[in-house]
Amino acid sequence: AEDERDDLRESVFGPADTDTHADPYGSVPINLPK
């Protein structure tokens, strides 16, 4: 379940190692491709 959650998080919210974030102060920032 944790693996599935991490995969879903990356597909929905974008890669964690990005330098580009949309709505960074929102409750769930969206990571755009680096």
PDB file of all heavy atoms in Angstrom:
ATOM      1  N   ALA A   1       0.829  -1.210   0.000  1.00  0.00           N
ATOM      2  CA  ALA A   1       0.000   0.000   0.000  1.00  0.00           C
ATOM      3  C   ALA A   1       0.862   1.259   0.000  1.00  0.00           C
ATOM      4  O   ALA A   1       0.553   2.239  -0.685  1.00  0.00           O
ATOM      5  CB  ALA A   1      -0.936  -0.010   1.208  1.00  0.00           C
ATOM      6  N   GLU A   2       1.979   1.241   0.746  1.00  0.00           N
ATOM      7  CA  GLU A   2       2.874   2.395   0.752  1.00  0.00           C
ATOM      8  C   GLU A   2       3.528   2.595  -0.616  1.00  0.00           C
ATOM      9  O   GLU A   2       3.672   3.737  -1.066  1.00  0.00           O
ATOM     10  CB  GLU A   2       3.934   2.234   1.842  1.00  0.00           C
ATOM     11  CG  GLU A   2       3.371   2.422   3.240  1.00  0.00           C
ATOM     12  CD  GLU A   2       4.374   2.117   4.336  1.00  0.00           C
ATOM     13  OE1 GLU A   2       5.391   1.431   4.075  1.00  0.00           O
ATOM     14  OE2 GLU A   2       4.137   2.574   5.469  1.00  0.00           O
ATOM     15  N   ASP A   3       3.901   1.504  -1.275  1.00  0.00           N
ATOM     16  CA  ASP A   3       4.466   1.607  -2.628  1.00  0.00           C
ATOM     17  C   ASP A   3       3.439   2.189  -3.590  1.00  0.00           C
ATOM     18  O   ASP A   3       3.757   3.069  -4.402  1.00  0.00           O
ATOM     19  CB  ASP A   3       4.938   0.245  -3.129  1.00  0.00           C
ATOM     20  CG  ASP A   3       6.183  -0.251  -2.406  1.00  0.00           C
ATOM     21  OD1 ASP A   3       6.862   0.567  -1.748  1.00  0.00           O
ATOM     22  OD2 ASP A   3       6.461  -1.462  -2.502  1.00  0.00           O
ATOM     23  N   GLU A   4       2.193   1.701  -3.516  1.00  0.00           N
ATOM     24  CA  GLU A   4       1.127   2.216  -4.385  1.00  0.00           C
ATOM     25  C   GLU A   4       0.873   3.687  -4.101  1.00  0.00           C
ATOM     26  O   GLU A   4       0.670   4.476  -5.020  1.00  0.00           O
ATOM     27  CB  GLU A   4      -0.148   1.407  -4.190  1.00  0.00           C
ATOM     28  CG  GLU A   4      -0.080   0.014  -4.762  1.00  0.00           C
ATOM     29  CD  GLU A   4      -1.330  -0.804  -4.459  1.00  0.00           C
ATOM     30  OE1 GLU A   4      -2.339  -0.240  -3.969  1.00  0.00           O
ATOM     31  OE2 GLU A   4      -1.294  -2.022  -4.696  1.00  0.00           O
ATOM     32  N   ARG A   5       0.878   4.066  -2.827  1.00  0.00           N
ATOM     33  CA  ARG A   5       0.674   5.470  -2.461  1.00  0.00           C
ATOM     34  C   ARG A   5       1.771   6.348  -3.053  1.00  0.00           C
ATOM     35  O   ARG A   5       1.500   7.404  -3.622  1.00  0.00           O
ATOM     36  CB  ARG A   5       0.672   5.609  -0.943  1.00  0.00           C
ATOM     37  CG  ARG A   5       0.505   7.065  -0.486  1.00  0.00           C
ATOM     38  CD  ARG A   5       1.106   7.345   0.862  1.00  0.00           C
ATOM     39  NE  ARG A   5       2.521   7.022   0.873  1.00  0.00           N
ATOM     40  CZ  ARG A   5       3.192   6.729   1.977  1.00  0.00           C
ATOM     41  NH1 ARG A   5       2.593   6.694   3.136  1.00  0.00           N
ATOM     42  NH2 ARG A   5       4.492   6.459   1.916  1.00  0.00           N
ATOM     43  N   ASP A   6       3.029   5.905  -2.934  1.00  0.00           N
ATOM     44  CA  ASP A   6       4.143   6.687  -3.469  1.00  0.00           C
ATOM     45  C   ASP A   6       4.060   6.816  -4.986  1.00  0.00           C
ATOM     46  O   ASP A   6       4.313   7.884  -5.543  1.00  0.00           O
ATOM     47  CB  ASP A   6       5.475   6.072  -3.054  1.00  0.00           C
ATOM     48  CG  ASP A   6       5.722   6.179  -1.545  1.00  0.00           C
ATOM     49  OD1 ASP A   6       5.040   6.989  -0.883  1.00  0.00           O
ATOM     50  OD2 ASP A   6       6.578   5.421  -1.043  1.00  0.00           O
ATOM     51  N   ASP A   7       3.681   5.726  -5.666  1.00  0.00           N
ATOM     52  CA  ASP A   7       3.519   5.783  -7.122  1.00  0.00           C
ATOM     53  C   ASP A   7       2.396   6.740  -7.503  1.00  0.00           C
ATOM     54  O   ASP A   7       2.535   7.536  -8.436  1.00  0.00           O
ATOM     55  CB  ASP A   7       3.225   4.392  -7.691  1.00  0.00           C
ATOM     56  CG  ASP A   7       4.421   3.458  -7.608  1.00  0.00           C
ATOM     57  OD1 ASP A   7       5.545   3.946  -7.373  1.00  0.00           O
ATOM     58  OD2 ASP A   7       4.214   2.233  -7.755  1.00  0.00           O
ATOM     59  N   LEU A   8       1.282   6.668  -6.790  1.00  0.00           N
ATOM     60  CA  LEU A   8       0.150   7.551  -7.069  1.00  0.00           C
ATOM     61  C   LEU A   8       0.521   9.002  -6.791  1.00  0.00           C
ATOM     62  O   LEU A   8       0.224   9.888  -7.580  1.00  0.00           O
ATOM     63  CB  LEU A   8      -1.064   7.145  -6.231  1.00  0.00           C
ATOM     64  CG  LEU A   8      -2.304   8.009  -6.406  1.00  0.00           C
ATOM     65  CD1 LEU A   8      -2.818   7.912  -7.840  1.00  0.00           C
ATOM     66  CD2 LEU A   8      -3.374   7.606  -5.421  1.00  0.00           C
ATOM     67  N   ARG A   9       1.209   9.238  -5.681  1.00  0.00           N
ATOM     68  CA  ARG A   9       1.616  10.603  -5.337  1.00  0.00           C
ATOM     69  C   ARG A   9       2.473  11.193  -6.446  1.00  0.00           C
ATOM     70  O   ARG A   9       2.295  12.328  -6.849  1.00  0.00           O
ATOM     71  CB  ARG A   9       2.370  10.595  -4.013  1.00  0.00           C
ATOM     72  CG  ARG A   9       2.796  11.992  -3.577  1.00  0.00           C
ATOM     73  CD  ARG A   9       3.478  11.962  -2.234  1.00  0.00           C
ATOM     74  NE  ARG A   9       2.495  11.695  -1.209  1.00  0.00           N
ATOM     75  CZ  ARG A   9       2.775  11.135  -0.038  1.00  0.00           C
ATOM     76  NH1 ARG A   9       3.995  10.773   0.251  1.00  0.00           N
ATOM     77  NH2 ARG A   9       1.821  10.942   0.842  1.00  0.00           N
ATOM     78  N   GLU A  10       3.411  10.408  -6.968  1.00  0.00           N
ATOM     79  CA  GLU A  10       4.279  10.920  -8.030  1.00  0.00           C
ATOM     80  C   GLU A  10       3.505  11.154  -9.318  1.00  0.00           C
ATOM     81  O   GLU A  10       3.725  12.134 -10.016  1.00  0.00           O
ATOM     82  CB  GLU A  10       5.454   9.973  -8.282  1.00  0.00           C
ATOM     83  CG  GLU A  10       6.405  10.550  -9.296  1.00  0.00           C
ATOM     84  CD  GLU A  10       7.768   9.888  -9.271  1.00  0.00           C
ATOM     85  OE1 GLU A  10       8.194   9.427  -8.217  1.00  0.00           O
ATOM     86  OE2 GLU A  10       8.397   9.847 -10.337  1.00  0.00           O
ATOM     87  N   SER A  11       2.553  10.262  -9.636  1.00  0.00           N
ATOM     88  CA  SER A  11       1.807  10.437 -10.884  1.00  0.00           C
ATOM     89  C   SER A  11       0.818  11.591 -10.792  1.00  0.00           C
ATOM     90  O   SER A  11       0.565  12.273 -11.777  1.00  0.00           O
ATOM     91  CB  SER A  11       1.085   9.154 -11.275  1.00  0.00           C
ATOM     92  OG  SER A  11       0.036   8.867 -10.377  1.00  0.00           O
ATOM     93  N   VAL A  12       0.266  11.852  -9.604  1.00  0.00           N
ATOM     94  CA  VAL A  12      -0.715  12.924  -9.448  1.00  0.00           C
ATOM     95  C   VAL A  12      -0.038  14.254  -9.116  1.00  0.00           C
ATOM     96  O   VAL A  12      -0.337  15.280  -9.705  1.00  0.00           O
ATOM     97  CB  VAL A  12      -1.741  12.563  -8.352  1.00  0.00           C
ATOM     98  CG1 VAL A  12      -2.638  13.746  -8.034  1.00  0.00           C
ATOM     99  CG2 VAL A  12      -2.571  11.377  -8.783  1.00  0.00           C
ATOM    100  N   PHE A  13       0.882  14.231  -8.174  1.00  0.00           N
ATOM    101  CA  PHE A  13       1.486  15.465  -7.685  1.00  0.00           C
ATOM    102  C   PHE A  13       2.849  15.752  -8.301  1.00  0.00           C
ATOM    103  O   PHE A  13       3.457  16.754  -8.017  1.00  0.00           O
ATOM    104  CB  PHE A  13       1.609  15.427  -6.167  1.00  0.00           C
ATOM    105  CG  PHE A  13       0.294  15.234  -5.483  1.00  0.00           C
ATOM    106  CD1 PHE A  13       0.095  14.164  -4.641  1.00  0.00           C
ATOM    107  CD2 PHE A  13      -0.754  16.101  -5.699  1.00  0.00           C
ATOM    108  CE1 PHE A  13      -1.118  13.977  -4.017  1.00  0.00           C
ATOM    109  CE2 PHE A  13      -1.978  15.920  -5.083  1.00  0.00           C
ATOM    110  CZ  PHE A  13      -2.155  14.851  -4.232  1.00  0.00           C
ATOM    111  N   GLY A  14       3.353  14.855  -9.139  1.00  0.00           N
ATOM    112  CA  GLY A  14       4.622  15.069  -9.815  1.00  0.00           C
ATOM    113  C   GLY A  14       5.801  14.528  -9.039  1.00  0.00           C
ATOM    114  O   GLY A  14       5.665  14.099  -7.897  1.00  0.00           O
ATOM    115  N   PRO A  15       6.972  14.565  -9.656  1.00  0.00           N
ATOM    116  CA  PRO A  15       8.162  13.994  -9.037  1.00  0.00           C
ATOM    117  C   PRO A  15       8.608  14.789  -7.812  1.00  0.00           C
ATOM    118  O   PRO A  15       8.564  16.020  -7.805  1.00  0.00           O
ATOM    119  CB  PRO A  15       9.209  14.061 -10.148  1.00  0.00           C
ATOM    120  CG  PRO A  15       8.733  15.144 -11.051  1.00  0.00           C
ATOM    121  CD  PRO A  15       7.228  15.134 -10.972  1.00  0.00           C
ATOM    122  N   ALA A  16       9.046  14.082  -6.783  1.00  0.00           N
ATOM    123  CA  ALA A  16       9.454  14.732  -5.534  1.00  0.00           C
ATOM    124  C   ALA A  16      10.752  15.528  -5.678  1.00  0.00           C
ATOM    125  O   ALA A  16      10.982  16.476  -4.936  1.00  0.00           O
ATOM    126  CB  ALA A  16       9.601  13.681  -4.439  1.00  0.00           C
ATOM    127  N   ASP A  17      11.600  15.180  -6.641  1.00  0.00           N
ATOM    128  CA  ASP A  17      12.898  15.841  -6.783  1.00  0.00           C
ATOM    129  C   ASP A  17      12.868  17.033  -7.742  1.00  0.00           C
ATOM    130  O   ASP A  17      13.888  17.458  -8.245  1.00  0.00           O
ATOM    131  CB  ASP A  17      13.954  14.838  -7.245  1.00  0.00           C
ATOM    132  CG  ASP A  17      13.682  14.313  -8.649  1.00  0.00           C
ATOM    133  OD1 ASP A  17      12.526  14.429  -9.119  1.00  0.00           O
ATOM    134  OD2 ASP A  17      14.612  13.776  -9.273  1.00  0.00           O
ATOM    135  N   THR A  18      11.705  17.611  -7.955  1.00  0.00           N
ATOM    136  CA  THR A  18      11.559  18.704  -8.910  1.00  0.00           C
ATOM    137  C   THR A  18      12.011  20.041  -8.332  1.00  0.00           C
ATOM    138  O   THR A  18      12.148  20.187  -7.118  1.00  0.00           O
ATOM    139  CB  THR A  18      10.103  18.822  -9.384  1.00  0.00           C
ATOM    140  OG1 THR A  18      10.049  19.785 -10.431  1.00  0.00           O
ATOM    141  CG2 THR A  18       9.187  19.269  -8.268  1.00  0.00           C
ATOM    142  N   ASP A  19      12.218  21.010  -9.217  1.00  0.00           N
ATOM    143  CA  ASP A  19      12.521  22.377  -8.800  1.00  0.00           C
ATOM    144  C   ASP A  19      11.365  23.317  -9.149  1.00  0.00           C
ATOM    145  O   ASP A  19      11.483  24.525  -9.033  1.00  0.00           O
ATOM    146  CB  ASP A  19      13.815  22.860  -9.458  1.00  0.00           C
ATOM    147  CG  ASP A  19      13.738  22.820 -10.976  1.00  0.00           C
ATOM    148  OD1 ASP A  19      12.692  22.421 -11.523  1.00  0.00           O
ATOM    149  OD2 ASP A  19      14.723  23.180 -11.626  1.00  0.00           O
ATOM    150  N   THR A  20      10.253  22.767  -9.590  1.00  0.00           N
ATOM    151  CA  THR A  20       9.115  23.564 -10.048  1.00  0.00           C
ATOM    152  C   THR A  20       7.844  23.085  -9.357  1.00  0.00           C
ATOM    153  O   THR A  20       7.446  21.943  -9.515  1.00  0.00           O
ATOM    154  CB  THR A  20       8.960  23.442 -11.579  1.00  0.00           C
ATOM    155  OG1 THR A  20      10.225  23.729 -12.191  1.00  0.00           O
ATOM    156  CG2 THR A  20       7.912  24.393 -12.107  1.00  0.00           C
ATOM    157  N   HIS A  21       7.227  23.972  -8.575  1.00  0.00           N
ATOM    158  CA  HIS A  21       6.026  23.630  -7.818  1.00  0.00           C
ATOM    159  C   HIS A  21       4.909  24.610  -8.164  1.00  0.00           C
ATOM    160  O   HIS A  21       5.134  25.813  -8.214  1.00  0.00           O
ATOM    161  CB  HIS A  21       6.283  23.706  -6.309  1.00  0.00           C
ATOM    162  CG  HIS A  21       7.457  22.911  -5.864  1.00  0.00           C
ATOM    163  ND1 HIS A  21       7.395  21.578  -5.596  1.00  0.00           N
ATOM    164  CD2 HIS A  21       8.748  23.268  -5.656  1.00  0.00           C
ATOM    165  CE1 HIS A  21       8.585  21.146  -5.234  1.00  0.00           C
ATOM    166  NE2 HIS A  21       9.430  22.153  -5.266  1.00  0.00           N
ATOM    167  N   ALA A  22       3.712  24.109  -8.378  1.00  0.00           N
ATOM    168  CA  ALA A  22       2.542  24.959  -8.564  1.00  0.00           C
ATOM    169  C   ALA A  22       1.808  25.018  -7.233  1.00  0.00           C
ATOM    170  O   ALA A  22       1.688  24.012  -6.534  1.00  0.00           O
ATOM    171  CB  ALA A  22       1.632  24.392  -9.646  1.00  0.00           C
ATOM    172  N   ASP A  23       1.340  26.173  -6.869  1.00  0.00           N
ATOM    173  CA  ASP A  23       0.624  26.387  -5.616  1.00  0.00           C
ATOM    174  C   ASP A  23       1.436  25.890  -4.417  1.00  0.00           C
ATOM    175  O   ASP A  23       0.967  25.067  -3.627  1.00  0.00           O
ATOM    176  CB  ASP A  23      -0.750  25.705  -5.677  1.00  0.00           C
ATOM    177  CG  ASP A  23      -1.688  26.195  -4.587  1.00  0.00           C
ATOM    178  OD1 ASP A  23      -1.435  27.274  -4.022  1.00  0.00           O
ATOM    179  OD2 ASP A  23      -2.667  25.492  -4.294  1.00  0.00           O
ATOM    180  N   PRO A  24       2.684  26.398  -4.251  1.00  0.00           N
ATOM    181  CA  PRO A  24       3.554  25.883  -3.196  1.00  0.00           C
ATOM    182  C   PRO A  24       3.043  26.112  -1.783  1.00  0.00           C
ATOM    183  O   PRO A  24       3.447  25.412  -0.866  1.00  0.00           O
ATOM    184  CB  PRO A  24       4.876  26.621  -3.419  1.00  0.00           C
ATOM    185  CG  PRO A  24       4.495  27.856  -4.140  1.00  0.00           C
ATOM    186  CD  PRO A  24       3.299  27.497  -4.977  1.00  0.00           C
ATOM    187  N   TYR A  25       2.149  27.074  -1.605  1.00  0.00           N
ATOM    188  CA  TYR A  25       1.624  27.346  -0.267  1.00  0.00           C
ATOM    189  C   TYR A  25       0.269  26.688  -0.039  1.00  0.00           C
ATOM    190  O   TYR A  25      -0.331  26.841   1.015  1.00  0.00           O
ATOM    191  CB  TYR A  25       1.526  28.855  -0.033  1.00  0.00           C
ATOM    192  CG  TYR A  25       2.864  29.540  -0.194  1.00  0.00           C
ATOM    193  CD1 TYR A  25       3.107  30.402  -1.249  1.00  0.00           C
ATOM    194  CD2 TYR A  25       3.897  29.282   0.695  1.00  0.00           C
ATOM    195  CE1 TYR A  25       4.340  31.024  -1.401  1.00  0.00           C
ATOM    196  CE2 TYR A  25       5.133  29.891   0.542  1.00  0.00           C
ATOM    197  CZ  TYR A  25       5.347  30.758  -0.499  1.00  0.00           C
ATOM    198  OH  TYR A  25       6.566  31.351  -0.651  1.00  0.00           O
ATOM    199  N   GLY A  26      -0.208  25.953  -1.023  1.00  0.00           N
ATOM    200  CA  GLY A  26      -1.478  25.258  -0.882  1.00  0.00           C
ATOM    201  C   GLY A  26      -1.348  24.042   0.017  1.00  0.00           C
ATOM    202  O   GLY A  26      -0.254  23.633   0.408  1.00  0.00           O
ATOM    203  N   SER A  27      -2.471  23.447   0.349  1.00  0.00           N
ATOM    204  CA  SER A  27      -2.442  22.283   1.240  1.00  0.00           C
ATOM    205  C   SER A  27      -1.764  21.095   0.570  1.00  0.00           C
ATOM    206  O   SER A  27      -1.174  20.255   1.239  1.00  0.00           O
ATOM    207  CB  SER A  27      -3.851  21.917   1.687  1.00  0.00           C
ATOM    208  OG  SER A  27      -4.647  21.602   0.571  1.00  0.00           O
ATOM    209  N   VAL A  28      -1.842  21.018  -0.761  1.00  0.00           N
ATOM    210  CA  VAL A  28      -1.180  19.940  -1.499  1.00  0.00           C
ATOM    211  C   VAL A  28      -0.468  20.553  -2.698  1.00  0.00           C
ATOM    212  O   VAL A  28      -1.043  20.670  -3.775  1.00  0.00           O
ATOM    213  CB  VAL A  28      -2.204  18.876  -1.977  1.00  0.00           C
ATOM    214  CG1 VAL A  28      -1.486  17.748  -2.698  1.00  0.00           C
ATOM    215  CG2 VAL A  28      -3.010  18.336  -0.817  1.00  0.00           C
ATOM    216  N   PRO A  29       0.794  20.974  -2.525  1.00  0.00           N
ATOM    217  CA  PRO A  29       1.526  21.544  -3.665  1.00  0.00           C
ATOM    218  C   PRO A  29       1.650  20.519  -4.797  1.00  0.00           C
ATOM    219  O   PRO A  29       1.739  19.319  -4.557  1.00  0.00           O
ATOM    220  CB  PRO A  29       2.902  21.858  -3.080  1.00  0.00           C
ATOM    221  CG  PRO A  29       2.718  21.874  -1.611  1.00  0.00           C
ATOM    222  CD  PRO A  29       1.586  20.949  -1.317  1.00  0.00           C
ATOM    223  N   ILE A  30       1.628  21.004  -6.013  1.00  0.00           N
ATOM    224  CA  ILE A  30       1.736  20.134  -7.183  1.00  0.00           C
ATOM    225  C   ILE A  30       3.142  20.283  -7.758  1.00  0.00           C
ATOM    226  O   ILE A  30       3.568  21.387  -8.091  1.00  0.00           O
ATOM    227  CB  ILE A  30       0.676  20.509  -8.231  1.00  0.00           C
ATOM    228  CG1 ILE A  30      -0.712  20.331  -7.629  1.00  0.00           C
ATOM    229  CG2 ILE A  30       0.850  19.671  -9.492  1.00  0.00           C
ATOM    230  CD1 ILE A  30      -1.823  20.892  -8.465  1.00  0.00           C
ATOM    231  N   ASN A  31       3.860  19.179  -7.830  1.00  0.00           N
ATOM    232  CA  ASN A  31       5.212  19.189  -8.370  1.00  0.00           C
ATOM    233  C   ASN A  31       5.154  19.008  -9.879  1.00  0.00           C
ATOM    234  O   ASN A  31       4.607  18.025 -10.367  1.00  0.00           O
ATOM    235  CB  ASN A  31       6.044  18.066  -7.752  1.00  0.00           C
ATOM    236  CG  ASN A  31       6.168  18.209  -6.258  1.00  0.00           C
ATOM    237  OD1 ASN A  31       6.138  19.310  -5.732  1.00  0.00           O
ATOM    238  ND2 ASN A  31       6.309  17.108  -5.570  1.00  0.00           N
ATOM    239  N   LEU A  32       5.733  19.943 -10.601  1.00  0.00           N
ATOM    240  CA  LEU A  32       5.802  19.858 -12.055  1.00  0.00           C
ATOM    241  C   LEU A  32       7.141  19.239 -12.436  1.00  0.00           C
ATOM    242  O   LEU A  32       8.061  19.192 -11.623  1.00  0.00           O
ATOM    243  CB  LEU A  32       5.645  21.249 -12.655  1.00  0.00           C
ATOM    244  CG  LEU A  32       4.341  21.966 -12.290  1.00  0.00           C
ATOM    245  CD1 LEU A  32       4.338  23.376 -12.840  1.00  0.00           C
ATOM    246  CD2 LEU A  32       3.147  21.191 -12.779  1.00  0.00           C
ATOM    247  N   PRO A  33       7.291  18.763 -13.657  1.00  0.00           N
ATOM    248  CA  PRO A  33       8.583  18.182 -14.057  1.00  0.00           C
ATOM    249  C   PRO A  33       9.724  19.179 -13.845  1.00  0.00           C
ATOM    250  O   PRO A  33       9.544  20.388 -14.001  1.00  0.00           O
ATOM    251  CB  PRO A  33       8.395  17.874 -15.543  1.00  0.00           C
ATOM    252  CG  PRO A  33       6.922  17.729 -15.710  1.00  0.00           C
ATOM    253  CD  PRO A  33       6.301  18.684 -14.734  1.00  0.00           C
ATOM    254  N   LYS A  34      10.888  18.667 -13.487  1.00  0.00           N
ATOM    255  CA  LYS A  34      12.050  19.516 -13.237  1.00  0.00           C
ATOM    256  C   LYS A  34      12.329  20.366 -14.479  1.00  0.00           C
ATOM    257  O   LYS A  34      12.398  19.859 -15.584  1.00  0.00           O
ATOM    258  CB  LYS A  34      13.255  18.643 -12.911  1.00  0.00           C
ATOM    259  CG  LYS A  34      14.385  19.398 -12.302  1.00  0.00           C
ATOM    260  CD  LYS A  34      15.418  18.447 -11.747  1.00  0.00           C
ATOM    261  CE  LYS A  34      16.371  19.230 -10.882  1.00  0.00           C
ATOM    262  NZ  LYS A  34      17.225  18.368 -10.102  1.00  0.00           N
TER     263      LYS A  34
END
